[in-house]
Amino acid sequence: MPRMRRLGLALLAFLIGFAPLAQGRGTMPEPRPEVSVADLPSEARATIRLIKQGGPFPYERDGIVFRNFEKHLPSRERGYYREYTVRTPGVKSRGARRIVAGRGGEFYYTADHYQSFVRIREHPRTVNGER
């Protein structure tokens, strides 16, 4: 009987350990590093200004749905994220740089075509409620 009890406890511990994955919480990416909008390349800042004013955008594919296939951003429903090209000086194509905008107002920057992202912080960090 003690052997069965140990086996049951081991099984219970195993199942509890996988509960977050079953609920989808274990699939969320790690928190993104942040960068101040002031520290972005000038072309990225210009793209954010265009996004906020609703265009016009220089590239035909700007504003298409970003599907997050790589799962580097928090999981959201399809259509939540849109992608925009960040012009790269000296490159004739769209290049690798993008801003991904979430419907909730958040922005992410990738300089390596979706291999990594940083969240864009638009306002300075506050210390004790002061800027």
N, C-alpha and C. Protein backbone atom coordinates (compact mmCIF):
# COMPACT_ATOMS: atom_id res chain seq x y z
N MET A 1 0.81 -1.21 0.00
CA MET A 1 0.00 0.00 0.00
C MET A 1 0.85 1.27 0.00
N PRO A 2 1.93 1.35 0.79
CA PRO A 2 2.75 2.56 0.75
C PRO A 2 3.31 2.83 -0.64
N ARG A 3 3.60 1.75 -1.38
CA ARG A 3 4.14 1.93 -2.73
C ARG A 3 3.09 2.59 -3.63
N MET A 4 1.85 2.18 -3.55
CA MET A 4 0.77 2.77 -4.34
C MET A 4 0.56 4.23 -3.97
N ARG A 5 0.68 4.49 -2.67
CA ARG A 5 0.49 5.88 -2.21
C ARG A 5 1.58 6.78 -2.77
N ARG A 6 2.81 6.29 -2.75
CA ARG A 6 3.92 7.07 -3.32
C ARG A 6 3.73 7.29 -4.82
N LEU A 7 3.29 6.25 -5.51
CA LEU A 7 3.04 6.36 -6.94
C LEU A 7 1.94 7.39 -7.21
N GLY A 8 0.89 7.36 -6.41
CA GLY A 8 -0.21 8.32 -6.56
C GLY A 8 0.26 9.75 -6.29
N LEU A 9 1.09 9.94 -5.26
CA LEU A 9 1.61 11.27 -4.96
C LEU A 9 2.53 11.77 -6.07
N ALA A 10 3.33 10.86 -6.61
CA ALA A 10 4.22 11.24 -7.71
C ALA A 10 3.40 11.66 -8.93
N LEU A 11 2.35 10.92 -9.23
CA LEU A 11 1.49 11.26 -10.35
C LEU A 11 0.81 12.60 -10.12
N LEU A 12 0.33 12.83 -8.92
CA LEU A 12 -0.32 14.10 -8.58
C LEU A 12 0.66 15.27 -8.74
N ALA A 13 1.88 15.12 -8.27
CA ALA A 13 2.88 16.17 -8.39
C ALA A 13 3.19 16.45 -9.86
N PHE A 14 3.27 15.39 -10.66
CA PHE A 14 3.51 15.53 -12.09
C PHE A 14 2.40 16.34 -12.75
N LEU A 15 1.15 15.99 -12.45
CA LEU A 15 0.01 16.68 -13.05
C LEU A 15 -0.06 18.14 -12.61
N ILE A 16 0.22 18.40 -11.36
CA ILE A 16 0.21 19.79 -10.86
C ILE A 16 1.29 20.61 -11.56
N GLY A 17 2.43 19.99 -11.81
CA GLY A 17 3.52 20.69 -12.49
C GLY A 17 3.17 21.09 -13.91
N PHE A 18 2.30 20.33 -14.58
CA PHE A 18 1.91 20.64 -15.95
C PHE A 18 0.61 21.42 -16.05
N ALA A 19 -0.02 21.72 -14.95
CA ALA A 19 -1.29 22.46 -14.98
C ALA A 19 -1.17 23.82 -15.67
N PRO A 20 -0.12 24.61 -15.41
CA PRO A 20 -0.02 25.90 -16.10
C PRO A 20 0.04 25.76 -17.62
N LEU A 21 0.71 24.72 -18.11
CA LEU A 21 0.77 24.51 -19.55
C LEU A 21 -0.60 24.18 -20.11
N ALA A 22 -1.36 23.37 -19.40
CA ALA A 22 -2.69 22.99 -19.86
C ALA A 22 -3.62 24.20 -19.90
N GLN A 23 -3.39 25.16 -19.03
CA GLN A 23 -4.22 26.36 -18.98
C GLN A 23 -3.71 27.44 -19.92
N GLY A 24 -2.60 27.18 -20.61
CA GLY A 24 -2.07 28.15 -21.56
C GLY A 24 -1.12 29.15 -20.94
N ARG A 25 -0.96 29.14 -19.63
CA ARG A 25 -0.07 30.11 -19.01
C ARG A 25 1.39 29.80 -19.27
N GLY A 26 1.71 28.55 -19.49
CA GLY A 26 3.09 28.18 -19.71
C GLY A 26 3.57 28.50 -21.12
N THR A 27 2.69 28.95 -21.98
CA THR A 27 3.08 29.23 -23.36
C THR A 27 3.40 30.70 -23.59
N MET A 28 3.25 31.54 -22.59
CA MET A 28 3.55 32.96 -22.74
C MET A 28 5.05 33.17 -22.81
N PRO A 29 5.51 34.04 -23.70
CA PRO A 29 6.94 34.31 -23.78
C PRO A 29 7.41 35.06 -22.54
N GLU A 30 8.71 35.04 -22.34
CA GLU A 30 9.29 35.80 -21.24
C GLU A 30 9.03 37.29 -21.47
N PRO A 31 9.02 38.08 -20.40
CA PRO A 31 8.82 39.53 -20.58
C PRO A 31 9.89 40.10 -21.51
N ARG A 32 9.48 41.00 -22.36
CA ARG A 32 10.37 41.61 -23.34
C ARG A 32 11.27 42.65 -22.68
N PRO A 33 12.50 42.75 -23.14
CA PRO A 33 13.31 43.90 -22.73
C PRO A 33 12.64 45.17 -23.26
N GLU A 34 12.92 46.29 -22.64
CA GLU A 34 12.32 47.55 -23.07
C GLU A 34 13.38 48.50 -23.59
N VAL A 35 12.94 49.38 -24.46
CA VAL A 35 13.79 50.45 -24.97
C VAL A 35 12.96 51.72 -24.99
N SER A 36 13.57 52.82 -24.64
CA SER A 36 12.89 54.11 -24.73
C SER A 36 12.73 54.50 -26.19
N VAL A 37 11.61 55.11 -26.51
CA VAL A 37 11.38 55.55 -27.89
C VAL A 37 12.50 56.50 -28.33
N ALA A 38 13.05 57.26 -27.40
CA ALA A 38 14.14 58.19 -27.72
C ALA A 38 15.41 57.46 -28.14
N ASP A 39 15.56 56.20 -27.73
CA ASP A 39 16.77 55.43 -28.06
C ASP A 39 16.63 54.63 -29.36
N LEU A 40 15.48 54.70 -29.99
CA LEU A 40 15.27 53.99 -31.25
C LEU A 40 15.92 54.76 -32.40
N PRO A 41 16.21 54.07 -33.51
CA PRO A 41 16.69 54.81 -34.69
C PRO A 41 15.64 55.83 -35.13
N SER A 42 16.09 56.91 -35.74
CA SER A 42 15.16 57.97 -36.15
C SER A 42 14.08 57.45 -37.09
N GLU A 43 14.42 56.46 -37.92
CA GLU A 43 13.43 55.90 -38.84
C GLU A 43 12.32 55.17 -38.08
N ALA A 44 12.65 54.53 -36.97
CA ALA A 44 11.63 53.85 -36.15
C ALA A 44 10.72 54.88 -35.49
N ARG A 45 11.29 55.97 -35.01
CA ARG A 45 10.47 57.03 -34.41
C ARG A 45 9.52 57.62 -35.45
N ALA A 46 10.01 57.79 -36.68
CA ALA A 46 9.15 58.31 -37.76
C ALA A 46 8.01 57.33 -38.06
N THR A 47 8.29 56.05 -38.03
CA THR A 47 7.25 55.04 -38.28
C THR A 47 6.19 55.09 -37.19
N ILE A 48 6.60 55.24 -35.95
CA ILE A 48 5.62 55.34 -34.85
C ILE A 48 4.75 56.57 -35.03
N ARG A 49 5.34 57.70 -35.44
CA ARG A 49 4.53 58.90 -35.69
C ARG A 49 3.49 58.64 -36.78
N LEU A 50 3.90 57.96 -37.85
CA LEU A 50 2.95 57.63 -38.93
C LEU A 50 1.83 56.72 -38.44
N ILE A 51 2.18 55.74 -37.62
CA ILE A 51 1.16 54.83 -37.08
C ILE A 51 0.13 55.62 -36.27
N LYS A 52 0.61 56.50 -35.42
CA LYS A 52 -0.29 57.28 -34.57
C LYS A 52 -1.18 58.23 -35.35
N GLN A 53 -0.69 58.73 -36.48
CA GLN A 53 -1.52 59.64 -37.28
C GLN A 53 -2.31 58.90 -38.35
N GLY A 54 -2.15 57.57 -38.42
CA GLY A 54 -2.93 56.78 -39.37
C GLY A 54 -2.41 56.77 -40.79
N GLY A 55 -1.14 57.09 -40.98
CA GLY A 55 -0.53 57.08 -42.30
C GLY A 55 -0.35 58.48 -42.83
N PRO A 56 -0.06 58.60 -44.11
CA PRO A 56 0.07 57.55 -45.13
C PRO A 56 1.38 56.78 -44.94
N PHE A 57 1.34 55.50 -45.27
CA PHE A 57 2.50 54.63 -45.09
C PHE A 57 3.23 54.44 -46.40
N PRO A 58 4.56 54.41 -46.35
CA PRO A 58 5.34 54.34 -47.59
C PRO A 58 5.38 52.96 -48.25
N TYR A 59 5.01 51.92 -47.52
CA TYR A 59 5.08 50.57 -48.08
C TYR A 59 3.69 49.97 -48.14
N GLU A 60 3.40 49.30 -49.24
CA GLU A 60 2.08 48.73 -49.48
C GLU A 60 1.64 47.75 -48.38
N ARG A 61 2.57 47.02 -47.82
CA ARG A 61 2.21 46.00 -46.83
C ARG A 61 2.14 46.54 -45.40
N ASP A 62 2.43 47.81 -45.22
CA ASP A 62 2.33 48.39 -43.88
C ASP A 62 0.88 48.30 -43.38
N GLY A 63 0.73 47.85 -42.14
CA GLY A 63 -0.59 47.73 -41.55
C GLY A 63 -1.21 46.36 -41.67
N ILE A 64 -0.49 45.40 -42.30
CA ILE A 64 -1.06 44.05 -42.39
C ILE A 64 -1.02 43.38 -41.03
N VAL A 65 -1.83 42.35 -40.87
CA VAL A 65 -1.89 41.61 -39.60
C VAL A 65 -0.56 40.89 -39.38
N PHE A 66 -0.01 41.06 -38.19
CA PHE A 66 1.17 40.32 -37.76
C PHE A 66 0.66 39.11 -37.00
N ARG A 67 0.98 37.93 -37.46
CA ARG A 67 0.40 36.70 -36.92
C ARG A 67 1.16 36.13 -35.73
N ASN A 68 2.35 36.61 -35.41
CA ASN A 68 3.10 36.15 -34.25
C ASN A 68 3.41 34.65 -34.32
N PHE A 69 3.72 34.15 -35.49
CA PHE A 69 4.05 32.73 -35.67
C PHE A 69 5.21 32.31 -34.78
N GLU A 70 6.17 33.21 -34.58
CA GLU A 70 7.36 32.89 -33.80
C GLU A 70 7.08 32.83 -32.31
N LYS A 71 5.93 33.36 -31.89
CA LYS A 71 5.50 33.37 -30.48
C LYS A 71 6.45 34.16 -29.58
N HIS A 72 7.06 35.21 -30.14
CA HIS A 72 7.93 36.06 -29.33
C HIS A 72 7.16 37.15 -28.58
N LEU A 73 5.94 37.41 -29.01
CA LEU A 73 5.09 38.40 -28.34
C LEU A 73 3.99 37.68 -27.57
N PRO A 74 3.38 38.36 -26.61
CA PRO A 74 2.28 37.72 -25.86
C PRO A 74 1.18 37.25 -26.81
N SER A 75 0.61 36.08 -26.54
CA SER A 75 -0.46 35.53 -27.37
C SER A 75 -1.70 36.41 -27.28
N ARG A 76 -2.23 36.74 -28.44
CA ARG A 76 -3.47 37.51 -28.55
C ARG A 76 -4.26 36.93 -29.71
N GLU A 77 -5.53 37.34 -29.82
CA GLU A 77 -6.35 36.85 -30.92
C GLU A 77 -5.81 37.38 -32.25
N ARG A 78 -6.13 36.66 -33.31
CA ARG A 78 -5.69 37.05 -34.65
C ARG A 78 -6.21 38.45 -34.96
N GLY A 79 -5.35 39.27 -35.52
CA GLY A 79 -5.72 40.64 -35.86
C GLY A 79 -5.36 41.66 -34.80
N TYR A 80 -4.88 41.19 -33.63
CA TYR A 80 -4.53 42.11 -32.54
C TYR A 80 -3.30 42.94 -32.92
N TYR A 81 -2.32 42.30 -33.57
CA TYR A 81 -1.08 42.98 -33.92
C TYR A 81 -1.05 43.35 -35.40
N ARG A 82 -0.47 44.53 -35.69
CA ARG A 82 -0.24 44.98 -37.07
C ARG A 82 1.25 45.30 -37.21
N GLU A 83 1.79 45.08 -38.39
CA GLU A 83 3.21 45.35 -38.60
C GLU A 83 3.44 46.48 -39.58
N TYR A 84 4.53 47.21 -39.34
CA TYR A 84 4.88 48.37 -40.15
C TYR A 84 6.39 48.35 -40.42
N THR A 85 6.75 48.71 -41.62
CA THR A 85 8.15 48.73 -42.03
C THR A 85 8.87 49.94 -41.44
N VAL A 86 10.07 49.70 -40.96
CA VAL A 86 10.97 50.78 -40.55
C VAL A 86 12.02 50.88 -41.65
N ARG A 87 12.03 52.02 -42.32
CA ARG A 87 12.97 52.22 -43.44
C ARG A 87 14.40 51.98 -42.95
N THR A 88 15.18 51.32 -43.79
CA THR A 88 16.59 51.07 -43.50
C THR A 88 17.42 51.79 -44.56
N PRO A 89 18.17 52.82 -44.19
CA PRO A 89 18.97 53.55 -45.17
C PRO A 89 19.91 52.61 -45.93
N GLY A 90 19.97 52.81 -47.25
CA GLY A 90 20.86 52.01 -48.08
C GLY A 90 20.28 50.68 -48.54
N VAL A 91 19.07 50.35 -48.08
CA VAL A 91 18.44 49.08 -48.47
C VAL A 91 17.27 49.40 -49.39
N LYS A 92 17.23 48.77 -50.56
CA LYS A 92 16.18 49.06 -51.54
C LYS A 92 14.87 48.34 -51.24
N SER A 93 14.94 47.19 -50.56
CA SER A 93 13.72 46.45 -50.21
C SER A 93 13.18 46.98 -48.89
N ARG A 94 12.19 46.31 -48.36
CA ARG A 94 11.64 46.72 -47.05
C ARG A 94 12.63 46.49 -45.93
N GLY A 95 13.61 45.66 -46.12
CA GLY A 95 14.59 45.41 -45.08
C GLY A 95 14.00 44.57 -43.95
N ALA A 96 14.72 44.47 -42.84
CA ALA A 96 14.35 43.59 -41.74
C ALA A 96 13.67 44.31 -40.57
N ARG A 97 13.77 45.61 -40.52
CA ARG A 97 13.29 46.33 -39.34
C ARG A 97 11.78 46.57 -39.41
N ARG A 98 11.11 46.34 -38.27
CA ARG A 98 9.66 46.52 -38.20
C ARG A 98 9.26 47.08 -36.84
N ILE A 99 8.12 47.75 -36.84
CA ILE A 99 7.38 48.09 -35.63
C ILE A 99 6.14 47.22 -35.66
N VAL A 100 5.85 46.54 -34.57
CA VAL A 100 4.60 45.80 -34.44
C VAL A 100 3.77 46.53 -33.40
N ALA A 101 2.56 46.89 -33.78
CA ALA A 101 1.67 47.66 -32.91
C ALA A 101 0.53 46.76 -32.46
N GLY A 102 0.27 46.77 -31.13
CA GLY A 102 -0.85 46.03 -30.59
C GLY A 102 -2.08 46.93 -30.49
N ARG A 103 -3.24 46.32 -30.56
CA ARG A 103 -4.49 47.07 -30.46
C ARG A 103 -4.61 47.81 -29.13
N GLY A 104 -3.90 47.33 -28.11
CA GLY A 104 -3.94 47.97 -26.79
C GLY A 104 -3.03 49.18 -26.67
N GLY A 105 -2.36 49.55 -27.78
CA GLY A 105 -1.50 50.74 -27.76
C GLY A 105 -0.03 50.44 -27.54
N GLU A 106 0.33 49.19 -27.37
CA GLU A 106 1.75 48.85 -27.16
C GLU A 106 2.47 48.72 -28.50
N PHE A 107 3.76 49.02 -28.48
CA PHE A 107 4.61 48.94 -29.66
C PHE A 107 5.82 48.07 -29.35
N TYR A 108 6.24 47.30 -30.37
CA TYR A 108 7.43 46.47 -30.27
C TYR A 108 8.31 46.76 -31.49
N TYR A 109 9.61 46.69 -31.29
CA TYR A 109 10.57 46.93 -32.37
C TYR A 109 11.39 45.67 -32.60
N THR A 110 11.58 45.31 -33.87
CA THR A 110 12.50 44.23 -34.24
C THR A 110 13.44 44.76 -35.31
N ALA A 111 14.71 44.53 -35.11
CA ALA A 111 15.72 44.94 -36.09
C ALA A 111 16.17 43.75 -36.92
N ASP A 112 15.69 42.55 -36.57
CA ASP A 112 16.17 41.32 -37.22
C ASP A 112 15.03 40.46 -37.78
N HIS A 113 14.02 41.10 -38.31
CA HIS A 113 12.90 40.44 -38.97
C HIS A 113 12.27 39.36 -38.09
N TYR A 114 11.81 39.78 -36.92
CA TYR A 114 11.00 38.97 -36.00
C TYR A 114 11.78 37.93 -35.19
N GLN A 115 13.09 37.93 -35.27
CA GLN A 115 13.85 36.97 -34.46
C GLN A 115 13.90 37.40 -33.01
N SER A 116 13.85 38.70 -32.76
CA SER A 116 13.83 39.22 -31.39
C SER A 116 13.06 40.54 -31.40
N PHE A 117 12.51 40.87 -30.23
CA PHE A 117 11.73 42.09 -30.08
C PHE A 117 12.12 42.79 -28.80
N VAL A 118 11.96 44.11 -28.79
CA VAL A 118 12.00 44.90 -27.56
C VAL A 118 10.70 45.68 -27.51
N ARG A 119 10.17 45.80 -26.31
CA ARG A 119 8.96 46.62 -26.14
C ARG A 119 9.40 48.08 -26.08
N ILE A 120 8.65 48.93 -26.73
CA ILE A 120 8.99 50.35 -26.77
C ILE A 120 8.30 51.06 -25.62
N ARG A 121 9.10 51.73 -24.82
CA ARG A 121 8.59 52.52 -23.70
C ARG A 121 8.53 53.97 -24.19
N GLU A 122 7.31 54.51 -24.24
CA GLU A 122 7.14 55.86 -24.79
C GLU A 122 7.38 56.96 -23.76
N HIS A 123 7.25 56.64 -22.50
CA HIS A 123 7.42 57.66 -21.46
C HIS A 123 8.56 57.24 -20.55
N PRO A 124 9.28 58.21 -20.00
CA PRO A 124 10.38 57.86 -19.08
C PRO A 124 9.85 57.05 -17.89
N ARG A 125 10.70 56.19 -17.39
CA ARG A 125 10.34 55.45 -16.17
C ARG A 125 10.12 56.43 -15.03
N THR A 126 9.24 56.05 -14.14
CA THR A 126 8.99 56.92 -13.00
C THR A 126 9.60 56.30 -11.74
N VAL A 127 10.02 57.16 -10.84
CA VAL A 127 10.53 56.74 -9.54
C VAL A 127 9.64 57.39 -8.49
N ASN A 128 8.93 56.58 -7.71
CA ASN A 128 8.01 57.09 -6.69
C ASN A 128 6.99 58.06 -7.27
N GLY A 129 6.51 57.76 -8.48
CA GLY A 129 5.46 58.58 -9.08
C GLY A 129 5.96 59.85 -9.74
N GLU A 130 7.29 60.08 -9.74
CA GLU A 130 7.84 61.29 -10.35
C GLU A 130 8.60 60.92 -11.61
N ARG A 131 8.55 61.79 -12.60
CA ARG A 131 9.29 61.56 -13.85
C ARG A 131 10.61 62.25 -13.81
